[in-house]
Amino acid sequence: MKFKAEIDVMPLDALLDPQGKAVTNSMSNIGLPEISGVRIGRHIRLFVEAASKTEAEQKVEESCKKLLSNQIMESYVFSVEEV
Protein backbone atom coordinates (compact mmCIF):
# COMPACT_ATOMS: atom_id res chain seq x y z
CA MET A 1 0.00 0.00 0.00
CA LYS A 2 1.11 3.57 -0.59
CA PHE A 3 0.88 6.33 2.02
CA LYS A 4 1.48 10.06 1.98
CA ALA A 5 3.12 11.70 4.98
CA GLU A 6 2.99 15.42 5.77
CA ILE A 7 5.70 16.46 8.23
CA ASP A 8 6.22 19.82 9.97
CA VAL A 9 9.61 20.47 11.56
CA MET A 10 9.89 23.52 13.82
CA PRO A 11 12.57 24.99 16.07
CA LEU A 12 11.98 24.24 19.74
CA ASP A 13 10.06 27.00 21.52
CA ALA A 14 12.91 27.49 23.99
CA LEU A 15 15.39 28.30 21.21
CA LEU A 16 15.92 31.54 19.35
CA ASP A 17 14.57 31.56 15.79
CA PRO A 18 16.56 34.34 14.04
CA GLN A 19 14.64 33.94 10.77
CA GLY A 20 11.29 34.11 12.55
CA LYS A 21 12.43 37.14 14.56
CA ALA A 22 13.48 38.96 11.39
CA VAL A 23 10.09 38.27 9.79
CA THR A 24 8.29 39.37 12.98
CA ASN A 25 10.26 42.63 13.01
CA SER A 26 9.42 43.25 9.33
CA MET A 27 5.68 42.87 9.81
CA SER A 28 5.22 46.43 11.07
CA ASN A 29 7.19 47.70 8.04
CA ILE A 30 4.58 46.22 5.72
CA GLY A 31 1.63 47.48 7.71
CA LEU A 32 0.93 44.38 9.80
CA PRO A 33 2.01 45.27 13.34
CA GLU A 34 -0.66 42.92 14.76
CA ILE A 35 1.40 39.88 13.70
CA SER A 36 4.01 38.69 16.16
CA GLY A 37 5.78 35.56 17.33
CA VAL A 38 6.61 34.25 13.85
CA ARG A 39 8.50 30.93 13.84
CA ILE A 40 9.96 29.55 10.62
CA GLY A 41 10.18 25.80 10.04
CA ARG A 42 10.01 23.26 7.22
CA HIS A 43 7.18 21.30 5.68
CA ILE A 44 8.09 17.94 4.14
CA ARG A 45 5.85 15.66 2.07
CA LEU A 46 6.93 12.13 1.25
CA PHE A 47 5.45 8.85 0.12
CA VAL A 48 5.93 5.49 1.83
CA GLU A 49 5.30 1.96 0.61
CA ALA A 50 4.18 -0.13 3.60
CA ALA A 51 1.93 -3.05 4.47
CA SER A 52 -0.16 -0.97 6.90
CA LYS A 53 -0.69 2.55 8.18
CA THR A 54 1.04 1.61 11.44
CA GLU A 55 4.11 0.44 9.55
CA ALA A 56 4.11 3.62 7.45
CA GLU A 57 3.92 5.74 10.61
CA GLN A 58 6.86 3.82 12.08
CA LYS A 59 8.92 4.46 8.93
CA VAL A 60 8.08 8.18 8.98
CA GLU A 61 8.93 8.39 12.69
CA GLU A 62 12.29 6.73 12.01
CA SER A 63 13.05 9.07 9.11
CA CYS A 64 12.25 12.10 11.28
CA LYS A 65 14.47 10.91 14.11
CA LYS A 66 17.39 9.82 11.94
CA LEU A 67 17.44 12.42 9.17
CA LEU A 68 14.68 14.98 8.80
CA SER A 69 14.97 16.75 12.16
CA ASN A 70 17.66 17.66 14.66
CA GLN A 71 16.04 16.53 17.90
CA ILE A 72 18.32 18.74 19.98
CA MET A 73 16.99 21.89 18.30
CA GLU A 74 13.74 20.92 16.55
CA SER A 75 10.41 19.20 17.11
CA TYR A 76 8.24 17.54 14.50
CA VAL A 77 4.69 16.39 13.96
CA PHE A 78 3.34 14.33 11.09
CA SER A 79 0.25 12.79 9.63
CA VAL A 80 -0.01 9.75 7.39
CA GLU A 81 -2.83 8.88 5.02
CA GLU A 82 -3.35 6.21 2.41
CA VAL A 83 -3.24 7.35 -1.22
PDB file of N, CA and C in Angstrom:
ATOM      1  N   MET A   1       0.845  -1.176   0.000  1.00  0.00           N
ATOM      2  CA  MET A   1       0.000   0.000   0.000  1.00  0.00           C
ATOM      3  C   MET A   1       0.892   1.241   0.000  1.00  0.00           C
ATOM      4  N   LYS A   2       0.357   2.329  -0.518  1.00  0.00           N
ATOM      5  CA  LYS A   2       1.113   3.574  -0.592  1.00  0.00           C
ATOM      6  C   LYS A   2       0.471   4.610   0.326  1.00  0.00           C
ATOM      7  N   PHE A   3       1.327   5.323   1.066  1.00  0.00           N
ATOM      8  CA  PHE A   3       0.877   6.329   2.015  1.00  0.00           C
ATOM      9  C   PHE A   3       1.591   7.642   1.752  1.00  0.00           C
ATOM     10  N   LYS A   4       0.889   8.724   2.061  1.00  0.00           N
ATOM     11  CA  LYS A   4       1.481  10.064   1.975  1.00  0.00           C
ATOM     12  C   LYS A   4       1.662  10.578   3.395  1.00  0.00           C
ATOM     13  N   ALA A   5       2.846  11.117   3.675  1.00  0.00           N
ATOM     14  CA  ALA A   5       3.124  11.703   4.982  1.00  0.00           C
ATOM     15  C   ALA A   5       3.363  13.199   4.812  1.00  0.00           C
ATOM     16  N   GLU A   6       2.780  13.970   5.698  1.00  0.00           N
ATOM     17  CA  GLU A   6       2.995  15.424   5.767  1.00  0.00           C
ATOM     18  C   GLU A   6       3.686  15.684   7.103  1.00  0.00           C
ATOM     19  N   ILE A   7       4.869  16.274   7.045  1.00  0.00           N
ATOM     20  CA  ILE A   7       5.697  16.459   8.233  1.00  0.00           C
ATOM     21  C   ILE A   7       6.003  17.945   8.409  1.00  0.00           C
ATOM     22  N   ASP A   8       5.830  18.443   9.630  1.00  0.00           N
ATOM     23  CA  ASP A   8       6.216  19.818   9.970  1.00  0.00           C
ATOM     24  C   ASP A   8       7.338  19.754  10.997  1.00  0.00           C
ATOM     25  N   VAL A   9       8.455  20.400  10.668  1.00  0.00           N
ATOM     26  CA  VAL A   9       9.610  20.470  11.557  1.00  0.00           C
ATOM     27  C   VAL A   9       9.770  21.926  11.973  1.00  0.00           C
ATOM     28  N   MET A  10       9.810  22.157  13.290  1.00  0.00           N
ATOM     29  CA  MET A  10       9.888  23.517  13.825  1.00  0.00           C
ATOM     30  C   MET A  10      10.996  23.622  14.864  1.00  0.00           C
ATOM     31  N   PRO A  11      11.603  24.818  14.987  1.00  0.00           N
ATOM     32  CA  PRO A  11      12.571  24.992  16.065  1.00  0.00           C
ATOM     33  C   PRO A  11      11.865  24.874  17.416  1.00  0.00           C
ATOM     34  N   LEU A  12      12.556  24.335  18.401  1.00  0.00           N
ATOM     35  CA  LEU A  12      11.978  24.237  19.738  1.00  0.00           C
ATOM     36  C   LEU A  12      11.624  25.621  20.253  1.00  0.00           C
ATOM     37  N   ASP A  13      10.527  25.709  20.998  1.00  0.00           N
ATOM     38  CA  ASP A  13      10.063  26.999  21.517  1.00  0.00           C
ATOM     39  C   ASP A  13      11.103  27.686  22.387  1.00  0.00           C
ATOM     40  N   ALA A  14      11.917  26.913  23.082  1.00  0.00           N
ATOM     41  CA  ALA A  14      12.909  27.485  23.990  1.00  0.00           C
ATOM     42  C   ALA A  14      14.108  28.092  23.263  1.00  0.00           C
ATOM     43  N   LEU A  15      14.236  27.814  21.969  1.00  0.00           N
ATOM     44  CA  LEU A  15      15.395  28.295  21.215  1.00  0.00           C
ATOM     45  C   LEU A  15      15.060  29.519  20.379  1.00  0.00           C
ATOM     46  N   LEU A  16      16.056  30.358  20.198  1.00  0.00           N
ATOM     47  CA  LEU A  16      15.923  31.540  19.350  1.00  0.00           C
ATOM     48  C   LEU A  16      15.708  31.107  17.904  1.00  0.00           C
ATOM     49  N   ASP A  17      14.826  31.796  17.214  1.00  0.00           N
ATOM     50  CA  ASP A  17      14.570  31.559  15.795  1.00  0.00           C
ATOM     51  C   ASP A  17      14.891  32.862  15.067  1.00  0.00           C
ATOM     52  N   PRO A  18      16.162  33.064  14.657  1.00  0.00           N
ATOM     53  CA  PRO A  18      16.556  34.339  14.044  1.00  0.00           C
ATOM     54  C   PRO A  18      15.738  34.692  12.798  1.00  0.00           C
ATOM     55  N   GLN A  19      15.430  33.700  11.990  1.00  0.00           N
ATOM     56  CA  GLN A  19      14.644  33.940  10.775  1.00  0.00           C
ATOM     57  C   GLN A  19      13.235  34.400  11.148  1.00  0.00           C
ATOM     58  N   GLY A  20      12.622  33.728  12.102  1.00  0.00           N
ATOM     59  CA  GLY A  20      11.293  34.114  12.554  1.00  0.00           C
ATOM     60  C   GLY A  20      11.286  35.501  13.173  1.00  0.00           C
ATOM     61  N   LYS A  21      12.338  35.815  13.936  1.00  0.00           N
ATOM     62  CA  LYS A  21      12.433  37.136  14.560  1.00  0.00           C
ATOM     63  C   LYS A  21      12.551  38.232  13.501  1.00  0.00           C
ATOM     64  N   ALA A  22      13.337  37.983  12.461  1.00  0.00           N
ATOM     65  CA  ALA A  22      13.484  38.960  11.385  1.00  0.00           C
ATOM     66  C   ALA A  22      12.148  39.199  10.677  1.00  0.00           C
ATOM     67  N   VAL A  23      11.393  38.128  10.442  1.00  0.00           N
ATOM     68  CA  VAL A  23      10.087  38.267   9.793  1.00  0.00           C
ATOM     69  C   VAL A  23       9.125  39.014  10.717  1.00  0.00           C
ATOM     70  N   THR A  24       9.138  38.667  12.006  1.00  0.00           N
ATOM     71  CA  THR A  24       8.288  39.365  12.977  1.00  0.00           C
ATOM     72  C   THR A  24       8.582  40.861  12.970  1.00  0.00           C
ATOM     73  N   ASN A  25       9.864  41.216  12.990  1.00  0.00           N
ATOM     74  CA  ASN A  25      10.257  42.629  13.006  1.00  0.00           C
ATOM     75  C   ASN A  25       9.853  43.352  11.720  1.00  0.00           C
ATOM     76  N   SER A  26       9.781  42.632  10.618  1.00  0.00           N
ATOM     77  CA  SER A  26       9.419  43.249   9.333  1.00  0.00           C
ATOM     78  C   SER A  26       7.917  43.448   9.166  1.00  0.00           C
ATOM     79  N   MET A  27       7.133  42.774   9.958  1.00  0.00           N
ATOM     80  CA  MET A  27       5.679  42.868   9.810  1.00  0.00           C
ATOM     81  C   MET A  27       5.172  44.301   9.956  1.00  0.00           C
ATOM     82  N   SER A  28       5.694  45.044  10.914  1.00  0.00           N
ATOM     83  CA  SER A  28       5.222  46.429  11.073  1.00  0.00           C
ATOM     84  C   SER A  28       5.625  47.288   9.878  1.00  0.00           C
ATOM     85  N   ASN A  29       6.745  46.959   9.218  1.00  0.00           N
ATOM     86  CA  ASN A  29       7.192  47.703   8.037  1.00  0.00           C
ATOM     87  C   ASN A  29       6.247  47.546   6.853  1.00  0.00           C
ATOM     88  N   ILE A  30       5.515  46.439   6.834  1.00  0.00           N
ATOM     89  CA  ILE A  30       4.579  46.224   5.718  1.00  0.00           C
ATOM     90  C   ILE A  30       3.133  46.447   6.145  1.00  0.00           C
ATOM     91  N   GLY A  31       2.957  47.107   7.281  1.00  0.00           N
ATOM     92  CA  GLY A  31       1.626  47.485   7.714  1.00  0.00           C
ATOM     93  C   GLY A  31       0.866  46.413   8.468  1.00  0.00           C
ATOM     94  N   LEU A  32       1.584  45.454   9.054  1.00  0.00           N
ATOM     95  CA  LEU A  32       0.925  44.379   9.799  1.00  0.00           C
ATOM     96  C   LEU A  32       1.514  44.253  11.213  1.00  0.00           C
ATOM     97  N   PRO A  33       1.421  45.317  12.004  1.00  0.00           N
ATOM     98  CA  PRO A  33       2.014  45.266  13.342  1.00  0.00           C
ATOM     99  C   PRO A  33       1.292  44.303  14.296  1.00  0.00           C
ATOM    100  N   GLU A  34       0.097  43.846  13.926  1.00  0.00           N
ATOM    101  CA  GLU A  34      -0.661  42.918  14.764  1.00  0.00           C
ATOM    102  C   GLU A  34      -0.041  41.515  14.784  1.00  0.00           C
ATOM    103  N   ILE A  35       0.805  41.213  13.805  1.00  0.00           N
ATOM    104  CA  ILE A  35       1.397  39.876  13.703  1.00  0.00           C
ATOM    105  C   ILE A  35       2.690  39.842  14.496  1.00  0.00           C
ATOM    106  N   SER A  36       2.804  38.846  15.352  1.00  0.00           N
ATOM    107  CA  SER A  36       4.014  38.692  16.164  1.00  0.00           C
ATOM    108  C   SER A  36       4.298  37.211  16.393  1.00  0.00           C
ATOM    109  N   GLY A  37       5.432  36.935  16.959  1.00  0.00           N
ATOM    110  CA  GLY A  37       5.777  35.564  17.326  1.00  0.00           C
ATOM    111  C   GLY A  37       5.949  34.609  16.165  1.00  0.00           C
ATOM    112  N   VAL A  38       6.435  35.098  15.034  1.00  0.00           N
ATOM    113  CA  VAL A  38       6.611  34.249  13.853  1.00  0.00           C
ATOM    114  C   VAL A  38       7.735  33.243  14.123  1.00  0.00           C
ATOM    115  N   ARG A  39       7.496  31.986  13.768  1.00  0.00           N
ATOM    116  CA  ARG A  39       8.502  30.934  13.840  1.00  0.00           C
ATOM    117  C   ARG A  39       8.570  30.306  12.451  1.00  0.00           C
ATOM    118  N   ILE A  40       9.767  30.089  11.960  1.00  0.00           N
ATOM    119  CA  ILE A  40       9.964  29.547  10.617  1.00  0.00           C
ATOM    120  C   ILE A  40      10.454  28.105  10.739  1.00  0.00           C
ATOM    121  N   GLY A  41       9.791  27.207  10.030  1.00  0.00           N
ATOM    122  CA  GLY A  41      10.182  25.798  10.038  1.00  0.00           C
ATOM    123  C   GLY A  41      10.165  25.245   8.616  1.00  0.00           C
ATOM    124  N   ARG A  42      10.035  23.934   8.528  1.00  0.00           N
ATOM    125  CA  ARG A  42      10.013  23.262   7.224  1.00  0.00           C
ATOM    126  C   ARG A  42       8.790  22.355   7.141  1.00  0.00           C
ATOM    127  N   HIS A  43       8.258  22.248   5.949  1.00  0.00           N
ATOM    128  CA  HIS A  43       7.176  21.299   5.680  1.00  0.00           C
ATOM    129  C   HIS A  43       7.725  20.288   4.679  1.00  0.00           C
ATOM    130  N   ILE A  44       7.559  19.011   4.986  1.00  0.00           N
ATOM    131  CA  ILE A  44       8.085  17.936   4.139  1.00  0.00           C
ATOM    132  C   ILE A  44       6.935  17.004   3.788  1.00  0.00           C
ATOM    133  N   ARG A  45       6.833  16.652   2.523  1.00  0.00           N
ATOM    134  CA  ARG A  45       5.854  15.660   2.072  1.00  0.00           C
ATOM    135  C   ARG A  45       6.645  14.509   1.473  1.00  0.00           C
ATOM    136  N   LEU A  46       6.269  13.299   1.832  1.00  0.00           N
ATOM    137  CA  LEU A  46       6.928  12.135   1.253  1.00  0.00           C
ATOM    138  C   LEU A  46       5.932  10.996   1.129  1.00  0.00           C
ATOM    139  N   PHE A  47       6.303  10.006   0.339  1.00  0.00           N
ATOM    140  CA  PHE A  47       5.447   8.850   0.118  1.00  0.00           C
ATOM    141  C   PHE A  47       6.161   7.605   0.628  1.00  0.00           C
ATOM    142  N   VAL A  48       5.379   6.699   1.206  1.00  0.00           N
ATOM    143  CA  VAL A  48       5.928   5.493   1.826  1.00  0.00           C
ATOM    144  C   VAL A  48       5.167   4.277   1.318  1.00  0.00           C
ATOM    145  N   GLU A  49       5.899   3.259   0.924  1.00  0.00           N
ATOM    146  CA  GLU A  49       5.296   1.959   0.610  1.00  0.00           C
ATOM    147  C   GLU A  49       5.369   1.136   1.885  1.00  0.00           C
ATOM    148  N   ALA A  50       4.222   0.662   2.369  1.00  0.00           N
ATOM    149  CA  ALA A  50       4.178  -0.128   3.598  1.00  0.00           C
ATOM    150  C   ALA A  50       2.964  -1.038   3.578  1.00  0.00           C
ATOM    151  N   ALA A  51       3.021  -2.080   4.400  1.00  0.00           N
ATOM    152  CA  ALA A  51       1.925  -3.052   4.468  1.00  0.00           C
ATOM    153  C   ALA A  51       0.712  -2.503   5.211  1.00  0.00           C
ATOM    154  N   SER A  52       0.937  -1.525   6.110  1.00  0.00           N
ATOM    155  CA  SER A  52      -0.164  -0.969   6.899  1.00  0.00           C
ATOM    156  C   SER A  52       0.146   0.476   7.267  1.00  0.00           C
ATOM    157  N   LYS A  53      -0.886   1.176   7.743  1.00  0.00           N
ATOM    158  CA  LYS A  53      -0.693   2.554   8.183  1.00  0.00           C
ATOM    159  C   LYS A  53       0.260   2.602   9.373  1.00  0.00           C
ATOM    160  N   THR A  54       0.151   1.654  10.268  1.00  0.00           N
ATOM    161  CA  THR A  54       1.039   1.610  11.439  1.00  0.00           C
ATOM    162  C   THR A  54       2.494   1.468  11.010  1.00  0.00           C
ATOM    163  N   GLU A  55       2.749   0.614  10.061  1.00  0.00           N
ATOM    164  CA  GLU A  55       4.115   0.440   9.554  1.00  0.00           C
ATOM    165  C   GLU A  55       4.605   1.720   8.880  1.00  0.00           C
ATOM    166  N   ALA A  56       3.735   2.358   8.108  1.00  0.00           N
ATOM    167  CA  ALA A  56       4.107   3.616   7.451  1.00  0.00           C
ATOM    168  C   ALA A  56       4.457   4.681   8.489  1.00  0.00           C
ATOM    169  N   GLU A  57       3.643   4.766   9.553  1.00  0.00           N
ATOM    170  CA  GLU A  57       3.921   5.738  10.613  1.00  0.00           C
ATOM    171  C   GLU A  57       5.260   5.454  11.289  1.00  0.00           C
ATOM    172  N   GLN A  58       5.574   4.185  11.483  1.00  0.00           N
ATOM    173  CA  GLN A  58       6.864   3.822  12.080  1.00  0.00           C
ATOM    174  C   GLN A  58       8.023   4.247  11.185  1.00  0.00           C
ATOM    175  N   LYS A  59       7.880   4.063   9.884  1.00  0.00           N
ATOM    176  CA  LYS A  59       8.924   4.458   8.931  1.00  0.00           C
ATOM    177  C   LYS A  59       9.105   5.980   8.918  1.00  0.00           C
ATOM    178  N   VAL A  60       7.996   6.713   8.956  1.00  0.00           N
ATOM    179  CA  VAL A  60       8.076   8.177   8.975  1.00  0.00           C
ATOM    180  C   VAL A  60       8.731   8.647  10.276  1.00  0.00           C
ATOM    181  N   GLU A  61       8.330   8.060  11.383  1.00  0.00           N
ATOM    182  CA  GLU A  61       8.930   8.395  12.686  1.00  0.00           C
ATOM    183  C   GLU A  61      10.442   8.174  12.648  1.00  0.00           C
ATOM    184  N   GLU A  62      10.864   7.046  12.109  1.00  0.00           N
ATOM    185  CA  GLU A  62      12.286   6.727  12.010  1.00  0.00           C
ATOM    186  C   GLU A  62      13.013   7.739  11.126  1.00  0.00           C
ATOM    187  N   SER A  63      12.399   8.111  10.006  1.00  0.00           N
ATOM    188  CA  SER A  63      13.046   9.073   9.108  1.00  0.00           C
ATOM    189  C   SER A  63      13.183  10.441   9.771  1.00  0.00           C
ATOM    190  N   CYS A  64      12.182  10.829  10.563  1.00  0.00           N
ATOM    191  CA  CYS A  64      12.253  12.104  11.275  1.00  0.00           C
ATOM    192  C   CYS A  64      13.368  12.087  12.312  1.00  0.00           C
ATOM    193  N   LYS A  65      13.456  11.012  13.061  1.00  0.00           N
ATOM    194  CA  LYS A  65      14.465  10.906  14.114  1.00  0.00           C
ATOM    195  C   LYS A  65      15.881  10.818  13.568  1.00  0.00           C
ATOM    196  N   LYS A  66      16.049  10.088  12.462  1.00  0.00           N
ATOM    197  CA  LYS A  66      17.389   9.820  11.943  1.00  0.00           C
ATOM    198  C   LYS A  66      17.902  10.856  10.947  1.00  0.00           C
ATOM    199  N   LEU A  67      16.981  11.555  10.254  1.00  0.00           N
ATOM    200  CA  LEU A  67      17.443  12.420   9.170  1.00  0.00           C
ATOM    201  C   LEU A  67      16.735  13.764   9.056  1.00  0.00           C
ATOM    202  N   LEU A  68      15.430  13.781   9.163  1.00  0.00           N
ATOM    203  CA  LEU A  68      14.675  14.982   8.800  1.00  0.00           C
ATOM    204  C   LEU A  68      14.652  16.072   9.860  1.00  0.00           C
ATOM    205  N   SER A  69      14.957  15.730  11.122  1.00  0.00           N
ATOM    206  CA  SER A  69      14.967  16.749  12.164  1.00  0.00           C
ATOM    207  C   SER A  69      16.193  16.575  13.052  1.00  0.00           C
ATOM    208  N   ASN A  70      16.604  17.668  13.659  1.00  0.00           N
ATOM    209  CA  ASN A  70      17.663  17.657  14.656  1.00  0.00           C
ATOM    210  C   ASN A  70      16.956  17.722  16.005  1.00  0.00           C
ATOM    211  N   GLN A  71      16.852  16.606  16.690  1.00  0.00           N
ATOM    212  CA  GLN A  71      16.036  16.530  17.897  1.00  0.00           C
ATOM    213  C   GLN A  71      16.550  17.398  19.036  1.00  0.00           C
ATOM    214  N   ILE A  72      17.780  17.845  18.951  1.00  0.00           N
ATOM    215  CA  ILE A  72      18.318  18.743  19.976  1.00  0.00           C
ATOM    216  C   ILE A  72      17.713  20.135  19.821  1.00  0.00           C
ATOM    217  N   MET A  73      17.434  20.525  18.576  1.00  0.00           N
ATOM    218  CA  MET A  73      16.986  21.886  18.296  1.00  0.00           C
ATOM    219  C   MET A  73      15.584  21.982  17.709  1.00  0.00           C
ATOM    220  N   GLU A  74      15.005  20.865  17.274  1.00  0.00           N
ATOM    221  CA  GLU A  74      13.737  20.916  16.545  1.00  0.00           C
ATOM    222  C   GLU A  74      12.745  19.876  17.073  1.00  0.00           C
ATOM    223  N   SER A  75      11.477  20.169  16.854  1.00  0.00           N
ATOM    224  CA  SER A  75      10.414  19.199  17.106  1.00  0.00           C
ATOM    225  C   SER A  75       9.726  18.924  15.770  1.00  0.00           C
ATOM    226  N   TYR A  76       8.962  17.848  15.730  1.00  0.00           N
ATOM    227  CA  TYR A  76       8.238  17.535  14.505  1.00  0.00           C
ATOM    228  C   TYR A  76       6.906  16.887  14.842  1.00  0.00           C
ATOM    229  N   VAL A  77       5.982  17.073  13.925  1.00  0.00           N
ATOM    230  CA  VAL A  77       4.685  16.386  13.965  1.00  0.00           C
ATOM    231  C   VAL A  77       4.414  15.902  12.543  1.00  0.00           C
ATOM    232  N   PHE A  78       3.651  14.826  12.437  1.00  0.00           N
ATOM    233  CA  PHE A  78       3.341  14.332  11.088  1.00  0.00           C
ATOM    234  C   PHE A  78       1.983  13.660  11.074  1.00  0.00           C
ATOM    235  N   SER A  79       1.461  13.571   9.866  1.00  0.00           N
ATOM    236  CA  SER A  79       0.247  12.789   9.634  1.00  0.00           C
ATOM    237  C   SER A  79       0.510  11.870   8.450  1.00  0.00           C
ATOM    238  N   VAL A  80      -0.172  10.739   8.461  1.00  0.00           N
ATOM    239  CA  VAL A  80      -0.009   9.749   7.387  1.00  0.00           C
ATOM    240  C   VAL A  80      -1.394   9.361   6.900  1.00  0.00           C
ATOM    241  N   GLU A  81      -1.543   9.328   5.582  1.00  0.00           N
ATOM    242  CA  GLU A  81      -2.827   8.880   5.020  1.00  0.00           C
ATOM    243  C   GLU A  81      -2.578   8.019   3.788  1.00  0.00           C
ATOM    244  N   GLU A  82      -3.464   7.093   3.561  1.00  0.00           N
ATOM    245  CA  GLU A  82      -3.353   6.214   2.406  1.00  0.00           C
ATOM    246  C   GLU A  82      -3.705   6.982   1.130  1.00  0.00           C
ATOM    247  N   VAL A  83      -2.950   6.712   0.079  1.00  0.00           N
ATOM    248  CA  VAL A  83      -3.244   7.345  -1.216  1.00  0.00           C
ATOM    249  C   VAL A  83      -3.543   6.295  -2.258  1.00  0.00           C
TER     250      VAL A  83
END
